[in-house]
Protein backbone atom coordinates (compact mmCIF):
# COMPACT_ATOMS: atom_id res chain seq x y z
CA MET A 1 15.23 -55.57 -49.77
CA ARG A 2 17.46 -57.20 -46.72
CA PRO A 3 15.85 -57.88 -43.83
CA CYS A 4 16.80 -55.52 -40.94
CA VAL A 5 20.27 -56.31 -38.88
CA ARG A 6 21.52 -55.88 -35.62
CA PHE A 7 24.86 -55.44 -33.89
CA VAL A 8 27.21 -56.50 -31.48
CA PHE A 9 30.28 -56.07 -30.20
CA VAL A 10 33.07 -57.96 -30.82
CA GLY A 11 34.08 -60.79 -27.96
CA ILE A 12 35.55 -63.43 -27.20
CA PHE A 13 35.39 -65.28 -23.38
CA ALA A 14 32.82 -66.98 -21.50
CA LEU A 15 30.45 -64.88 -19.69
CA THR A 16 30.33 -67.50 -16.65
CA LEU A 17 33.51 -67.87 -15.78
CA PHE A 18 34.66 -64.23 -14.36
CA ALA A 19 32.87 -60.94 -13.81
CA ILE A 20 34.61 -57.80 -13.47
CA PRO A 21 34.02 -55.81 -9.80
CA GLY A 22 31.82 -53.47 -10.61
CA GLN A 23 30.95 -54.12 -14.60
CA SER A 24 28.02 -56.21 -15.76
CA ALA A 25 28.55 -59.86 -17.64
CA GLY A 26 28.29 -58.70 -21.43
CA SER A 27 31.48 -56.24 -20.18
CA LEU A 28 33.87 -58.30 -19.59
CA ALA A 29 33.60 -59.51 -23.56
CA GLU A 30 33.55 -56.27 -24.24
CA THR A 31 36.62 -55.65 -22.41
CA GLY A 32 39.66 -58.19 -24.28
CA ALA A 33 38.64 -58.36 -28.06
CA THR A 34 41.86 -56.67 -29.53
CA ASN A 35 44.26 -57.70 -27.05
CA ASP A 36 46.89 -59.14 -29.60
CA CYS A 37 50.07 -56.90 -29.38
CA TRP A 38 51.78 -58.33 -32.33
CA THR A 39 51.41 -56.81 -35.97
CA THR A 40 52.83 -57.07 -39.20
CA SER A 41 55.58 -54.01 -40.28
CA THR A 42 52.54 -52.79 -42.30
CA GLY A 43 49.20 -53.28 -40.08
CA ARG A 44 47.79 -55.36 -43.74
CA VAL A 45 47.82 -58.67 -44.05
CA TYR A 46 47.06 -60.43 -47.51
CA VAL A 47 45.03 -64.13 -47.00
CA PRO A 48 45.96 -66.25 -50.14
CA GLU A 49 43.56 -68.33 -49.57
CA THR A 50 41.03 -66.32 -50.64
CA GLY A 51 42.73 -63.64 -52.44
CA HIS A 52 41.97 -60.23 -50.45
CA HIS A 53 43.60 -58.35 -47.60
CA ILE A 54 42.95 -57.19 -44.00
CA ALA A 55 43.87 -54.40 -42.90
CA GLU A 56 43.66 -52.35 -38.74
CA PRO A 57 41.16 -52.41 -36.90
CA PHE A 58 39.22 -55.66 -38.73
CA LEU A 59 43.08 -56.44 -38.42
CA SER A 60 43.45 -57.35 -34.56
CA ALA A 61 39.68 -58.71 -34.33
CA TRP A 62 40.07 -60.85 -37.25
CA ARG A 63 42.94 -61.93 -35.30
CA ALA A 64 41.18 -62.60 -31.95
CA TYR A 65 38.86 -65.91 -33.52
CA ASP A 66 39.53 -69.58 -34.52
CA LEU A 67 39.81 -69.72 -38.55
CA SER A 68 36.84 -71.92 -38.06
CA ILE A 69 34.37 -69.31 -36.45
CA VAL A 70 34.70 -66.75 -38.71
CA GLY A 71 36.47 -67.75 -41.70
CA TYR A 72 38.82 -66.16 -44.40
CA PRO A 73 37.99 -62.37 -45.94
CA VAL A 74 35.35 -62.98 -48.88
CA SER A 75 36.29 -58.99 -49.53
CA GLU A 76 37.97 -56.28 -49.13
CA PRO A 77 36.69 -53.68 -46.45
CA LEU A 78 34.22 -51.62 -48.72
CA GLU A 79 31.55 -48.63 -48.23
CA VAL A 80 27.70 -50.06 -47.02
CA ASP A 81 25.09 -48.19 -46.25
CA GLY A 82 27.47 -45.30 -45.66
CA MET A 83 30.04 -47.79 -43.15
CA THR A 84 33.55 -49.34 -43.59
CA VAL A 85 32.26 -53.21 -43.39
CA GLN A 86 34.22 -56.08 -44.95
CA TYR A 87 33.13 -59.67 -45.19
CA PHE A 88 34.27 -62.62 -43.94
CA GLU A 89 33.12 -66.87 -44.57
CA ARG A 90 31.02 -66.59 -41.09
CA ALA A 91 30.78 -63.50 -40.51
CA ARG A 92 30.89 -59.34 -41.12
CA PHE A 93 32.88 -57.19 -39.33
CA GLU A 94 31.62 -53.34 -39.63
CA ARG A 95 33.70 -50.20 -38.30
CA HIS A 96 31.75 -47.88 -35.71
CA PRO A 97 34.52 -44.35 -35.99
CA GLU A 98 31.88 -43.25 -33.26
CA HIS A 99 33.32 -45.57 -30.78
CA ALA A 100 37.06 -45.48 -32.53
CA GLY A 101 39.98 -45.92 -29.76
CA THR A 102 36.87 -48.93 -27.69
CA GLU A 103 35.55 -52.31 -27.78
CA TYR A 104 32.81 -50.71 -30.09
CA GLU A 105 34.69 -49.76 -32.81
CA VAL A 106 34.53 -52.98 -34.50
CA LEU A 107 30.94 -55.06 -33.66
CA LEU A 108 30.08 -57.62 -36.02
CA THR A 109 26.63 -58.43 -37.93
CA LEU A 110 24.61 -61.06 -36.30
CA LEU A 111 24.05 -62.94 -39.21
CA GLY A 112 22.12 -65.80 -38.00
CA ASN A 113 19.18 -63.45 -37.19
CA TRP A 114 19.76 -62.03 -40.98
CA ILE A 115 19.28 -65.36 -42.43
CA SER A 116 16.77 -66.67 -40.43
CA ALA A 117 14.54 -63.73 -40.50
CA GLY A 118 10.71 -64.48 -42.27
CA HIS A 119 11.41 -67.68 -40.51
CA GLU A 120 9.99 -66.57 -37.23
CA GLY A 121 6.00 -68.55 -37.69
CA ASP A 122 7.89 -72.19 -38.61
CA PRO A 123 7.29 -74.61 -35.58
CA GLU A 124 11.59 -74.49 -35.09
CA PHE A 125 11.95 -70.95 -34.75
CA ALA A 126 8.68 -71.07 -32.18
CA PRO A 127 9.98 -70.09 -28.87
CA LEU A 128 8.83 -73.18 -26.07
CA ALA A 129 8.18 -72.63 -22.47
CA GLY A 130 10.69 -73.83 -20.40
CA GLY A 131 10.82 -76.61 -18.41
CA ILE A 132 7.13 -77.94 -20.51
CA ASP A 133 8.29 -78.93 -23.68
CA GLN A 134 12.03 -80.02 -22.80
CA PRO A 135 13.35 -82.05 -25.25
CA ASP A 136 16.37 -83.49 -23.61
CA PRO A 137 15.94 -83.95 -19.66
CA HIS A 138 19.92 -82.09 -20.14
CA ALA A 139 19.14 -79.82 -22.64
CA ASP A 140 19.95 -76.03 -21.39
CA TYR A 141 16.81 -73.77 -21.94
CA TYR A 142 17.53 -69.90 -22.49
CA SER A 143 14.38 -68.02 -21.81
CA GLU A 144 15.80 -64.98 -23.50
CA THR A 145 15.11 -66.21 -26.78
CA GLY A 146 12.12 -69.05 -25.59
CA HIS A 147 14.71 -72.42 -27.15
CA TYR A 148 17.16 -74.50 -25.99
CA LEU A 149 19.97 -76.40 -26.33
CA GLN A 150 21.58 -79.53 -25.62
CA THR A 151 23.64 -82.37 -27.64
CA PRO A 152 25.18 -82.70 -30.36
CA PHE A 153 25.64 -78.58 -30.06
CA ARG A 154 25.63 -77.96 -26.74
CA ASP A 155 29.65 -78.78 -26.24
CA TYR A 156 30.88 -76.63 -28.80
CA TRP A 157 29.00 -73.63 -28.24
CA ARG A 158 30.37 -73.92 -24.79
CA LYS A 159 34.44 -74.70 -25.28
CA ASN A 160 34.05 -72.22 -28.73
CA GLY A 161 33.08 -68.72 -26.53
CA GLY A 162 29.28 -69.63 -25.92
CA LEU A 163 27.55 -66.46 -26.11
CA PRO A 164 29.65 -63.56 -26.73
CA VAL A 165 30.68 -65.06 -29.80
CA PHE A 166 27.59 -67.36 -31.54
CA GLY A 167 24.78 -65.60 -29.51
CA TYR A 168 21.51 -67.39 -27.89
CA PRO A 169 19.90 -69.81 -29.91
CA ILE A 170 17.16 -68.41 -31.77
CA SER A 171 15.71 -71.92 -33.07
CA GLU A 172 15.74 -75.81 -32.16
CA MET A 173 17.42 -77.84 -33.49
CA LEU A 174 16.21 -78.80 -37.38
CA ILE A 175 17.24 -81.20 -40.71
CA GLU A 176 18.30 -78.78 -43.41
CA ASP A 177 20.19 -80.57 -47.00
CA GLY A 178 20.00 -83.73 -44.66
CA TYR A 179 22.44 -82.11 -41.84
CA LEU A 180 21.52 -81.60 -38.46
CA VAL A 181 21.30 -77.94 -37.83
CA GLN A 182 20.57 -75.00 -35.10
CA TYR A 183 20.84 -71.54 -35.57
CA PHE A 184 22.10 -69.02 -32.89
CA GLU A 185 21.86 -64.97 -33.09
CA ARG A 186 24.98 -65.04 -34.95
CA ALA A 187 25.96 -68.72 -36.43
CA ARG A 188 24.26 -71.55 -37.58
CA PHE A 189 26.31 -74.85 -36.53
CA GLU A 190 25.55 -77.88 -38.81
CA ARG A 191 26.57 -81.21 -37.49
CA HIS A 192 28.41 -83.10 -39.94
CA PRO A 193 28.38 -87.35 -38.81
CA GLU A 194 31.35 -87.88 -41.78
CA HIS A 195 33.23 -85.88 -39.53
CA ALA A 196 32.01 -88.05 -36.62
CA GLY A 197 34.82 -87.90 -33.73
CA THR A 198 37.25 -85.15 -35.57
CA PRO A 199 37.15 -81.30 -34.21
CA TYR A 200 35.67 -80.78 -37.92
CA GLU A 201 32.55 -82.48 -36.44
CA ILE A 202 30.75 -79.23 -35.69
CA GLN A 203 31.14 -76.97 -38.66
CA LEU A 204 30.07 -72.95 -39.15
CA GLY A 205 27.40 -72.35 -41.75
CA HIS A 206 29.19 -69.60 -44.31
CA LEU A 207 26.73 -67.25 -43.22
CA GLY A 208 29.32 -64.30 -44.39
CA ARG A 209 29.56 -65.65 -47.27
CA GLU A 210 25.98 -65.67 -48.01
CA LEU A 211 24.85 -61.89 -46.91
CA ALA A 212 27.79 -60.81 -49.96
CA ALA A 213 26.03 -62.56 -52.24
CA ALA A 214 22.20 -61.55 -50.94
CA ASP A 215 24.23 -57.67 -51.05
CA GLY A 216 25.92 -58.02 -54.47
CA ILE A 217 29.14 -57.99 -52.88
CA ASP A 218 32.03 -59.14 -55.61
CA GLN A 219 33.69 -61.92 -54.03
CA GLN A 220 36.75 -62.63 -56.99
CA PRO A 221 40.57 -62.33 -55.46
CA VAL A 222 42.42 -59.25 -55.95
CA PRO A 223 46.22 -58.74 -57.07
CA GLN A 224 48.17 -58.85 -53.75
CA ALA A 225 49.44 -55.21 -52.78
CA GLU A 226 52.90 -54.85 -52.21
CA ASP A 227 52.59 -53.27 -48.48
CA ALA A 228 50.92 -56.21 -47.54
CA VAL A 229 52.97 -59.41 -46.02
CA ASP A 230 50.88 -63.41 -46.63
CA PHE A 231 48.95 -64.30 -44.17
CA ARG A 232 50.80 -67.43 -43.00
CA ALA A 233 47.54 -70.60 -42.31
CA ASP A 234 49.92 -73.25 -41.73
CA PRO A 235 47.99 -76.90 -42.16
CA GLU A 236 49.73 -77.93 -38.38
CA PRO A 237 49.53 -74.91 -35.80
CA ARG A 238 53.39 -73.29 -35.01
CA SER A 239 55.20 -75.19 -32.82
CA TYR A 240 58.45 -73.19 -31.69
CA ARG A 241 60.91 -75.49 -29.38
CA ILE A 242 61.44 -72.19 -26.96
CA PRO A 243 62.91 -72.49 -23.67
CA VAL A 244 61.96 -70.49 -21.26
CA LEU A 245 63.92 -69.69 -18.55
CA MET A 246 62.63 -68.79 -14.67
CA TYR A 247 65.22 -67.28 -12.28
CA HIS A 248 64.03 -66.10 -8.92
CA ARG A 249 67.04 -65.26 -6.33
CA PHE A 250 70.79 -64.38 -7.14
CA GLY A 251 73.55 -64.72 -4.58
CA ALA A 252 74.85 -67.49 -2.24
CA PRO A 253 74.63 -70.18 -0.83
CA ALA A 254 73.00 -71.80 -4.12
CA GLU A 255 69.31 -73.42 -3.35
CA ARG A 256 66.83 -74.21 -5.26
CA TYR A 257 65.54 -70.84 -5.81
CA THR A 258 68.48 -68.90 -5.49
CA VAL A 259 71.77 -69.18 -8.35
CA THR A 260 75.12 -67.70 -7.89
CA TYR A 261 76.51 -64.68 -9.78
CA TRP A 262 78.89 -66.64 -10.61
CA ASP A 263 76.96 -69.33 -11.72
CA PHE A 264 74.17 -67.16 -13.85
CA GLU A 265 77.27 -65.95 -16.58
CA GLN A 266 78.56 -68.89 -16.94
CA GLN A 267 74.76 -69.92 -18.22
CA LEU A 268 74.86 -66.87 -20.22
CA ILE A 269 78.52 -67.84 -21.70
CA TRP A 270 76.99 -70.85 -22.82
CA LEU A 271 73.70 -70.20 -24.15
CA ARG A 272 76.00 -67.30 -26.22
CA ASP A 273 78.64 -69.82 -27.38
CA ASN A 274 76.01 -72.39 -28.75
CA GLY A 275 73.91 -70.69 -30.46
CA TYR A 276 71.24 -69.35 -28.80
CA THR A 277 69.38 -65.78 -29.04
CA PRO A 278 67.90 -64.70 -25.87
CA ILE A 279 64.68 -62.50 -27.05
CA THR A 280 61.83 -60.45 -25.64
CA MET A 281 58.18 -61.85 -24.85
CA LEU A 282 56.96 -59.50 -27.48
CA GLU A 283 58.79 -61.04 -29.88
CA ALA A 284 58.44 -64.81 -29.34
CA TYR A 285 54.44 -63.59 -29.76
CA ASN A 286 55.40 -61.56 -32.77
CA GLY A 287 56.75 -64.80 -34.45
CA LEU A 288 54.03 -67.36 -32.79
CA PHE A 289 51.69 -65.07 -34.15
CA GLY A 290 52.68 -62.67 -36.07
CA GLY A 291 54.23 -64.35 -38.47
CA ALA A 292 57.88 -62.59 -37.89
CA PRO A 293 60.96 -64.28 -38.13
CA LEU A 294 62.67 -65.91 -34.88
CA PRO A 295 66.32 -67.04 -34.31
CA GLU A 296 67.51 -70.41 -35.31
CA LYS A 297 67.70 -70.59 -31.44
CA PRO A 298 65.28 -68.43 -29.20
CA ALA A 299 65.85 -68.06 -25.84
CA ILE A 300 63.84 -65.94 -23.01
CA LEU A 301 65.51 -65.45 -19.78
CA THR A 302 62.20 -64.82 -16.97
CA PHE A 303 62.99 -63.22 -13.70
CA ASP A 304 59.94 -63.39 -11.10
CA ASP A 305 59.19 -61.38 -8.32
CA GLY A 306 61.55 -58.51 -8.48
CA TRP A 307 63.98 -59.52 -6.22
CA PRO A 308 66.56 -56.68 -5.07
CA SER A 309 69.41 -59.47 -5.94
CA GLN A 310 67.65 -59.36 -9.47
CA TRP A 311 68.94 -55.78 -10.60
CA ARG A 312 72.57 -57.36 -10.14
CA ALA A 313 71.42 -59.90 -12.77
CA ALA A 314 70.33 -57.62 -15.06
CA GLU A 315 73.61 -55.71 -15.14
CA ILE A 316 75.57 -58.92 -16.31
CA LEU A 317 71.81 -59.05 -18.61
CA ASP A 318 73.76 -56.16 -20.42
CA GLN A 319 77.16 -56.68 -20.28
CA TYR A 320 75.95 -59.57 -22.42
CA GLY A 321 73.79 -57.76 -24.78
CA PHE A 322 70.76 -59.73 -23.90
CA LYS A 323 67.40 -58.67 -22.93
CA GLY A 324 65.65 -60.36 -19.75
CA VAL A 325 61.60 -60.52 -18.89
CA PHE A 326 61.06 -59.17 -14.93
CA PHE A 327 58.11 -60.24 -13.91
CA VAL A 328 57.33 -58.36 -11.25
CA HIS A 329 55.42 -56.42 -8.11
CA PRO A 330 54.57 -52.98 -8.91
CA ASP A 331 55.19 -52.46 -4.65
CA ARG A 332 57.29 -55.94 -3.31
CA GLY A 333 60.99 -56.29 -4.79
CA MET A 334 63.34 -53.50 -6.37
CA ALA A 335 62.01 -49.73 -6.30
CA PRO A 336 59.91 -48.41 -8.18
CA GLU A 337 62.60 -46.09 -9.96
CA GLN A 338 64.42 -49.64 -10.88
CA PHE A 339 61.46 -50.77 -12.82
CA HIS A 340 61.43 -48.27 -14.69
CA ASP A 341 65.06 -47.73 -15.57
CA LEU A 342 65.10 -51.56 -16.34
CA ALA A 343 62.35 -50.74 -19.16
CA ALA A 344 64.19 -47.75 -20.58
CA ARG A 345 67.49 -50.35 -20.76
CA GLY A 346 65.18 -52.62 -22.94
CA HIS A 347 64.18 -55.36 -20.52
CA GLU A 348 60.75 -56.83 -20.53
CA ILE A 349 58.18 -55.85 -17.83
CA GLY A 350 55.41 -58.29 -16.97
CA SER A 351 52.79 -58.04 -13.81
CA HIS A 352 53.36 -60.91 -11.19
CA SER A 353 50.58 -59.93 -9.74
CA TYR A 354 49.82 -57.87 -6.48
CA THR A 355 50.49 -59.93 -3.18
CA HIS A 356 51.38 -63.12 -4.58
CA PRO A 357 48.68 -65.36 -3.87
CA ALA A 358 47.20 -68.83 -5.08
CA LEU A 359 45.06 -66.99 -8.42
CA THR A 360 42.46 -69.78 -8.20
CA THR A 361 41.68 -69.61 -4.39
CA VAL A 362 40.32 -65.50 -4.54
CA PRO A 363 37.48 -63.94 -5.25
CA ASP A 364 36.91 -62.22 -8.08
CA GLU A 365 37.29 -58.41 -6.54
CA GLN A 366 40.65 -59.40 -5.47
CA LEU A 367 41.38 -61.42 -9.03
CA TRP A 368 40.62 -58.48 -10.64
CA ARG A 369 43.17 -56.05 -8.49
CA GLU A 370 46.19 -58.81 -8.71
CA VAL A 371 45.91 -58.84 -12.34
CA HIS A 372 44.74 -55.54 -13.88
CA ASP A 373 45.69 -53.14 -10.90
CA SER A 374 48.63 -54.86 -10.93
CA ARG A 375 49.45 -54.23 -14.99
CA ASP A 376 48.07 -50.21 -14.23
CA ALA A 377 50.63 -49.78 -11.40
CA LEU A 378 53.35 -51.10 -13.86
CA ALA A 379 52.64 -49.17 -16.79
CA ALA A 380 52.70 -45.95 -14.97
CA ILE A 381 55.67 -46.79 -13.23
CA THR A 382 57.32 -47.93 -16.32
CA GLY A 383 56.04 -45.86 -18.63
CA ALA A 384 55.95 -49.14 -20.52
CA ASN A 385 53.20 -51.49 -21.92
CA ILE A 386 52.95 -53.97 -19.83
CA ASN A 387 52.24 -56.96 -22.23
CA PHE A 388 52.46 -60.04 -20.62
CA PHE A 389 51.35 -61.92 -17.15
CA ALA A 390 52.93 -64.58 -15.56
CA TYR A 391 51.13 -66.75 -12.65
CA PRO A 392 51.98 -67.05 -8.91
CA TYR A 393 52.87 -70.77 -7.86
CA GLY A 394 51.72 -71.26 -12.07
CA ASN A 395 48.58 -71.58 -10.26
CA TRP A 396 46.12 -71.06 -12.72
CA ASP A 397 42.03 -72.15 -14.45
CA GLU A 398 39.60 -70.79 -16.72
CA ARG A 399 38.34 -68.32 -13.99
CA VAL A 400 41.97 -67.00 -13.96
CA ILE A 401 42.80 -67.05 -17.38
CA ALA A 402 39.71 -65.42 -17.91
CA ALA A 403 40.73 -62.68 -15.71
CA VAL A 404 43.98 -62.01 -17.12
CA LYS A 405 42.39 -61.74 -21.14
CA ALA A 406 40.09 -59.26 -19.84
CA ALA A 407 42.69 -57.53 -17.83
CA GLY A 408 44.22 -56.10 -21.56
CA TYR A 409 47.64 -58.73 -21.83
CA CYS A 410 48.71 -60.32 -25.18
CA GLY A 411 49.59 -63.65 -23.28
CA ALA A 412 50.54 -65.73 -20.25
CA VAL A 413 53.26 -67.84 -18.36
CA HIS A 414 53.04 -70.93 -15.90
CA ALA A 415 56.18 -72.95 -14.94
CA TRP A 416 57.15 -75.84 -15.97
CA ASP A 417 55.75 -78.29 -18.88
CA GLY A 418 58.54 -78.41 -21.18
CA GLN A 419 59.62 -76.08 -23.99
CA GLN A 420 57.09 -76.39 -27.35
CA TRP A 421 55.83 -73.01 -27.53
CA THR A 422 52.33 -73.09 -29.93
CA PRO A 423 49.30 -70.74 -30.54
CA GLU A 424 46.70 -73.12 -28.26
CA LYS A 425 49.04 -72.78 -24.77
CA ARG A 426 48.77 -68.70 -25.78
CA TRP A 427 47.74 -68.46 -21.70
CA ILE A 428 49.49 -70.57 -20.47
CA GLU A 429 52.83 -71.22 -22.52
CA PRO A 430 55.75 -73.23 -20.71
CA ARG A 431 58.92 -72.09 -18.84
CA VAL A 432 61.98 -74.11 -17.39
CA GLU A 433 62.63 -73.08 -13.71
CA ILE A 434 66.11 -73.34 -14.06
CA SER A 435 67.53 -73.98 -9.78
CA GLY A 436 70.68 -72.58 -7.88
CA THR A 437 71.84 -76.46 -7.38
CA LEU A 438 72.27 -77.57 -11.33
CA THR A 439 75.75 -77.83 -12.56
CA LEU A 440 76.79 -76.42 -15.76
CA SER A 441 76.50 -79.51 -17.32
CA GLU A 442 73.02 -80.42 -16.37
CA PHE A 443 71.98 -76.76 -17.07
CA ALA A 444 73.64 -77.55 -20.97
CA ALA A 445 71.46 -80.75 -20.83
CA LEU A 446 68.19 -79.20 -19.34
CA ILE A 447 68.06 -76.53 -22.60
CA ASP A 448 69.05 -79.45 -24.95
CA GLN A 449 66.40 -81.53 -23.66
CA SER A 450 68.20 -84.53 -22.60
CA TYR A 451 67.59 -83.64 -18.49
CA GLN A 452 64.70 -84.14 -17.07
CA ARG A 453 64.18 -82.41 -13.80
CA SER A 454 60.73 -81.45 -11.66
CA GLU A 455 60.78 -79.98 -8.23
CA ARG A 456 57.31 -78.81 -8.25
CA PRO A 457 55.96 -77.80 -4.55
CA THR A 458 52.71 -80.17 -4.00
CA GLY A 459 49.50 -78.56 -4.59
CA PHE A 460 50.03 -76.03 -7.24
CA ARG A 461 51.43 -75.42 -10.81
CA HIS A 462 53.95 -72.78 -9.15
């Protein structure tokens, strides 16, 4: 008989970074597990590496993780003990229909507990007394399970999700099959010295495959369904050059944060005549993460703060058939009905916070209001999904990113730092500031990356 298996919600954010006011630390991990806005046309993909499909709701949960954490699917979705499950190389997903539409709909099996059942009496699995049996003065002790976490596994645990992803340690480090390993509630860490100094030095055991074998699951590949698109897993991360232009005010006189309407229109004409296709943030993320095709020369036109002068700029966009992305505050700048009208015309609305503070300097309660409440307010005003956030002053740190994730956004941008978009920068994708003092030739060179200009305010990443 298989050992009893416990379950946990899907979560990907470090609990110690940010605490949502009125919620437990654990609930933060529950909040943003499936805040992906990109989809395939059918909501189903085929993974040729293992020859299996992934469909919703497992698809969104799977995309929330790096492949090194859960791996590829090794089975189709199937019924086990009256529940829909799917096995992956390093995990097993379970669907709980009684929680449909909530963060509890997809739960993960505690595979570390499953594989180690029956070893509780082994010396390496026996709980230790904190401070008495400490193996290393720098080791972290977890009284919940009575075990330590130390080098070389501690850094990997911290950098890749920590407690909500891997759970607590349930053993000390030990040697198995010549490798240094340690068991956690949801994983087995393995140190591979042959890959020392590379990202592959610490790897997770294929506990999902082991559970599938123990359950008698057929792991052989299946033919690709006609309505399933290929999952694209490039050997190198996808990277796109996407100039994301950042505008502020419009009018005269021209200055750093003010572009004249005439100059703005000339810039749009230059983009059109030089083969650039303005797209939305959602389209860019669909290309970067969802594998959707992008234009040969994409560009994104973003407008910060919702200044009233941007209303006329939007009318100029409409004349050329271009869509803009307006990062605004719910109760500042243009009137609410203007925000609603912009969204109705096909422009994209994102949040730029409520009051435009430097978010790294505010307490948790205000941070949550700035990122979460502003999103809710803008959604109510526009009737549209608010998928993206722009950091005021480009000011961010890990705590701020954790709050933006937990608030349910799909991604975020800051400012400057070039035009190269990659999945690793999902929460800090770069933009290009467009100053009103640029000549058209300087604008053209800036977009084509042959002209460098930086005017960052001191003290903040704008």
